[in-house]
């Protein structure tokens, strides 16, 4: 199995997908959210918890991938 650094197309597609999810969930583009019929977060607490959960998930995945090597 190739690493992500060796398989550039897979790495780029994962990065673009992750960026799209964060952008849509953060509400940066309300017009796009309306087009996809997504519901906006009502309070800043929801956005803060989303960002915190995403950060913890990213760090834990990076830690796991570092340990696997």
N, C-alpha and C. Protein backbone atom coordinates (compact mmCIF):
# COMPACT_ATOMS: atom_id res chain seq x y z
N UNK A 1 0.84 -1.18 0.00
CA UNK A 1 0.00 0.00 0.00
C UNK A 1 0.89 1.24 0.00
N UNK A 2 0.54 2.21 -0.83
CA UNK A 2 1.31 3.45 -0.94
C UNK A 2 0.96 4.40 0.20
N UNK A 3 1.91 5.20 0.59
CA UNK A 3 1.63 6.24 1.58
C UNK A 3 0.89 7.39 0.90
N UNK A 4 0.32 8.27 1.71
CA UNK A 4 -0.39 9.42 1.15
C UNK A 4 0.56 10.36 0.41
N UNK A 5 1.79 10.44 0.87
CA UNK A 5 2.75 11.30 0.18
C UNK A 5 3.10 10.74 -1.19
N UNK A 6 3.10 9.42 -1.33
CA UNK A 6 3.39 8.81 -2.63
C UNK A 6 2.16 8.84 -3.54
N UNK A 7 0.98 8.80 -2.95
CA UNK A 7 -0.27 8.79 -3.73
C UNK A 7 -0.87 10.20 -3.67
N UNK A 8 -0.30 11.10 -4.43
CA UNK A 8 -0.70 12.51 -4.41
C UNK A 8 -2.17 12.74 -4.76
N UNK A 9 -2.74 12.09 -5.77
CA UNK A 9 -4.16 12.35 -6.09
C UNK A 9 -5.09 12.03 -4.92
N UNK A 10 -4.80 10.95 -4.20
CA UNK A 10 -5.62 10.61 -3.04
C UNK A 10 -5.47 11.65 -1.94
N UNK A 11 -4.24 12.08 -1.70
CA UNK A 11 -4.00 13.09 -0.67
C UNK A 11 -4.72 14.40 -1.00
N UNK A 12 -4.65 14.83 -2.26
CA UNK A 12 -5.30 16.07 -2.65
C UNK A 12 -6.82 15.94 -2.57
N UNK A 13 -7.37 14.81 -2.94
CA UNK A 13 -8.82 14.64 -2.86
C UNK A 13 -9.30 14.63 -1.41
N UNK A 14 -8.52 14.04 -0.51
CA UNK A 14 -8.87 14.07 0.91
C UNK A 14 -8.80 15.48 1.48
N UNK A 15 -7.78 16.23 1.09
CA UNK A 15 -7.65 17.61 1.57
C UNK A 15 -8.78 18.49 1.06
N UNK A 16 -9.15 18.34 -0.20
CA UNK A 16 -10.25 19.13 -0.76
C UNK A 16 -11.57 18.76 -0.10
N UNK A 17 -11.78 17.47 0.13
CA UNK A 17 -13.02 17.03 0.79
C UNK A 17 -13.10 17.56 2.22
N UNK A 18 -12.01 17.49 2.94
CA UNK A 18 -12.00 18.00 4.31
C UNK A 18 -12.23 19.51 4.34
N UNK A 19 -11.62 20.22 3.41
CA UNK A 19 -11.82 21.66 3.34
C UNK A 19 -13.27 22.00 3.01
N UNK A 20 -13.89 21.23 2.13
CA UNK A 20 -15.29 21.47 1.78
C UNK A 20 -16.20 21.24 2.98
N UNK A 21 -15.95 20.19 3.74
CA UNK A 21 -16.77 19.91 4.92
C UNK A 21 -16.63 21.02 5.95
N UNK A 22 -15.41 21.44 6.22
CA UNK A 22 -15.19 22.50 7.20
C UNK A 22 -15.82 23.81 6.73
N UNK A 23 -15.68 24.11 5.45
CA UNK A 23 -16.24 25.35 4.92
C UNK A 23 -17.76 25.35 5.01
N UNK A 24 -18.39 24.25 4.61
CA UNK A 24 -19.85 24.19 4.67
C UNK A 24 -20.36 24.18 6.10
N UNK A 25 -19.71 23.45 6.98
CA UNK A 25 -20.17 23.37 8.36
C UNK A 25 -19.93 24.67 9.12
N UNK A 26 -18.93 25.43 8.72
CA UNK A 26 -18.63 26.69 9.41
C UNK A 26 -19.55 27.82 8.97
N UNK A 27 -20.21 27.66 7.84
CA UNK A 27 -21.15 28.68 7.39
C UNK A 27 -20.50 29.86 6.72
N UNK A 28 -19.35 29.67 6.11
CA UNK A 28 -18.66 30.77 5.43
C UNK A 28 -19.42 31.27 4.21
N UNK A 29 -20.11 30.37 3.53
CA UNK A 29 -20.84 30.72 2.32
C UNK A 29 -22.32 30.37 2.48
N UNK A 30 -23.13 31.30 2.99
CA UNK A 30 -24.56 31.01 3.22
C UNK A 30 -25.31 30.65 1.94
N UNK A 31 -24.92 31.23 0.80
CA UNK A 31 -25.60 30.91 -0.46
C UNK A 31 -25.39 29.45 -0.85
N UNK A 32 -24.18 28.96 -0.64
CA UNK A 32 -23.89 27.56 -0.95
C UNK A 32 -24.64 26.64 0.01
N UNK A 33 -24.72 27.04 1.28
CA UNK A 33 -25.46 26.25 2.26
C UNK A 33 -26.94 26.16 1.87
N UNK A 34 -27.48 27.26 1.38
CA UNK A 34 -28.87 27.26 0.93
C UNK A 34 -29.04 26.36 -0.28
N UNK A 35 -28.09 26.38 -1.19
CA UNK A 35 -28.16 25.54 -2.38
C UNK A 35 -28.14 24.06 -2.01
N UNK A 36 -27.34 23.68 -1.02
CA UNK A 36 -27.29 22.29 -0.57
C UNK A 36 -28.36 21.98 0.47
N UNK A 37 -29.18 22.97 0.82
CA UNK A 37 -30.27 22.85 1.78
C UNK A 37 -29.76 22.41 3.15
N UNK A 38 -28.65 23.02 3.57
CA UNK A 38 -28.10 22.76 4.90
C UNK A 38 -28.67 23.75 5.89
N UNK A 39 -28.81 23.33 7.12
CA UNK A 39 -29.33 24.20 8.17
C UNK A 39 -28.16 24.86 8.87
N UNK A 40 -28.25 26.18 9.06
CA UNK A 40 -27.18 26.90 9.74
C UNK A 40 -27.22 26.62 11.23
N UNK A 41 -26.02 26.67 11.87
CA UNK A 41 -25.96 26.56 13.31
C UNK A 41 -26.55 27.82 13.92
N UNK A 42 -27.34 27.66 14.99
CA UNK A 42 -27.98 28.81 15.62
C UNK A 42 -27.05 29.57 16.55
N UNK A 43 -26.24 28.86 17.28
CA UNK A 43 -25.43 29.53 18.31
C UNK A 43 -23.94 29.33 18.02
N UNK A 44 -23.15 30.20 18.62
CA UNK A 44 -21.70 30.06 18.50
C UNK A 44 -21.19 28.82 19.22
N UNK A 45 -21.96 28.33 20.19
CA UNK A 45 -21.57 27.13 20.92
C UNK A 45 -21.46 25.95 19.96
N UNK A 46 -22.38 25.83 19.03
CA UNK A 46 -22.35 24.73 18.07
C UNK A 46 -21.13 24.82 17.17
N UNK A 47 -20.82 26.01 16.72
CA UNK A 47 -19.63 26.18 15.86
C UNK A 47 -18.36 25.90 16.64
N UNK A 48 -18.32 26.35 17.89
CA UNK A 48 -17.14 26.11 18.72
C UNK A 48 -16.97 24.62 18.98
N UNK A 49 -18.06 23.94 19.27
CA UNK A 49 -17.95 22.50 19.52
C UNK A 49 -17.57 21.75 18.25
N UNK A 50 -18.07 22.20 17.10
CA UNK A 50 -17.68 21.57 15.83
C UNK A 50 -16.19 21.75 15.58
N UNK A 51 -15.70 22.96 15.78
CA UNK A 51 -14.28 23.22 15.55
C UNK A 51 -13.41 22.43 16.52
N UNK A 52 -13.82 22.36 17.78
CA UNK A 52 -13.07 21.61 18.78
C UNK A 52 -13.05 20.12 18.44
N UNK A 53 -14.20 19.58 18.07
CA UNK A 53 -14.28 18.16 17.71
C UNK A 53 -13.44 17.87 16.48
N UNK A 54 -13.47 18.75 15.49
CA UNK A 54 -12.66 18.56 14.29
C UNK A 54 -11.17 18.61 14.61
N UNK A 55 -10.77 19.54 15.47
CA UNK A 55 -9.37 19.66 15.85
C UNK A 55 -8.89 18.42 16.60
N UNK A 56 -9.70 17.95 17.55
CA UNK A 56 -9.34 16.76 18.31
C UNK A 56 -9.25 15.55 17.39
N UNK A 57 -10.18 15.44 16.46
CA UNK A 57 -10.16 14.33 15.51
C UNK A 57 -8.91 14.38 14.64
N UNK A 58 -8.56 15.55 14.16
CA UNK A 58 -7.37 15.68 13.31
C UNK A 58 -6.09 15.34 14.07
N UNK A 59 -5.99 15.81 15.30
CA UNK A 59 -4.80 15.52 16.10
C UNK A 59 -4.71 14.04 16.43
N UNK A 60 -5.84 13.43 16.78
CA UNK A 60 -5.81 12.01 17.11
C UNK A 60 -5.48 11.16 15.89
N UNK A 61 -5.98 11.54 14.72
CA UNK A 61 -5.64 10.80 13.50
C UNK A 61 -4.16 10.95 13.17
N UNK A 62 -3.64 12.16 13.31
CA UNK A 62 -2.22 12.38 13.04
C UNK A 62 -1.35 11.60 14.02
N UNK A 63 -1.76 11.56 15.29
CA UNK A 63 -1.01 10.81 16.30
C UNK A 63 -1.05 9.31 15.98
N UNK A 64 -2.20 8.81 15.57
CA UNK A 64 -2.35 7.40 15.22
C UNK A 64 -1.48 7.07 14.01
N UNK A 65 -1.52 7.91 12.98
CA UNK A 65 -0.73 7.66 11.78
C UNK A 65 0.77 7.72 12.07
N UNK A 66 1.15 8.59 12.99
CA UNK A 66 2.56 8.69 13.36
C UNK A 66 3.01 7.42 14.09
N UNK A 67 2.13 6.86 14.94
CA UNK A 67 2.46 5.64 15.69
C UNK A 67 2.50 4.41 14.80
N UNK A 68 1.71 4.41 13.73
CA UNK A 68 1.65 3.25 12.84
C UNK A 68 2.95 3.07 12.08
N UNK A 69 3.61 4.17 11.74
CA UNK A 69 4.88 4.09 11.00
C UNK A 69 5.84 3.32 11.83
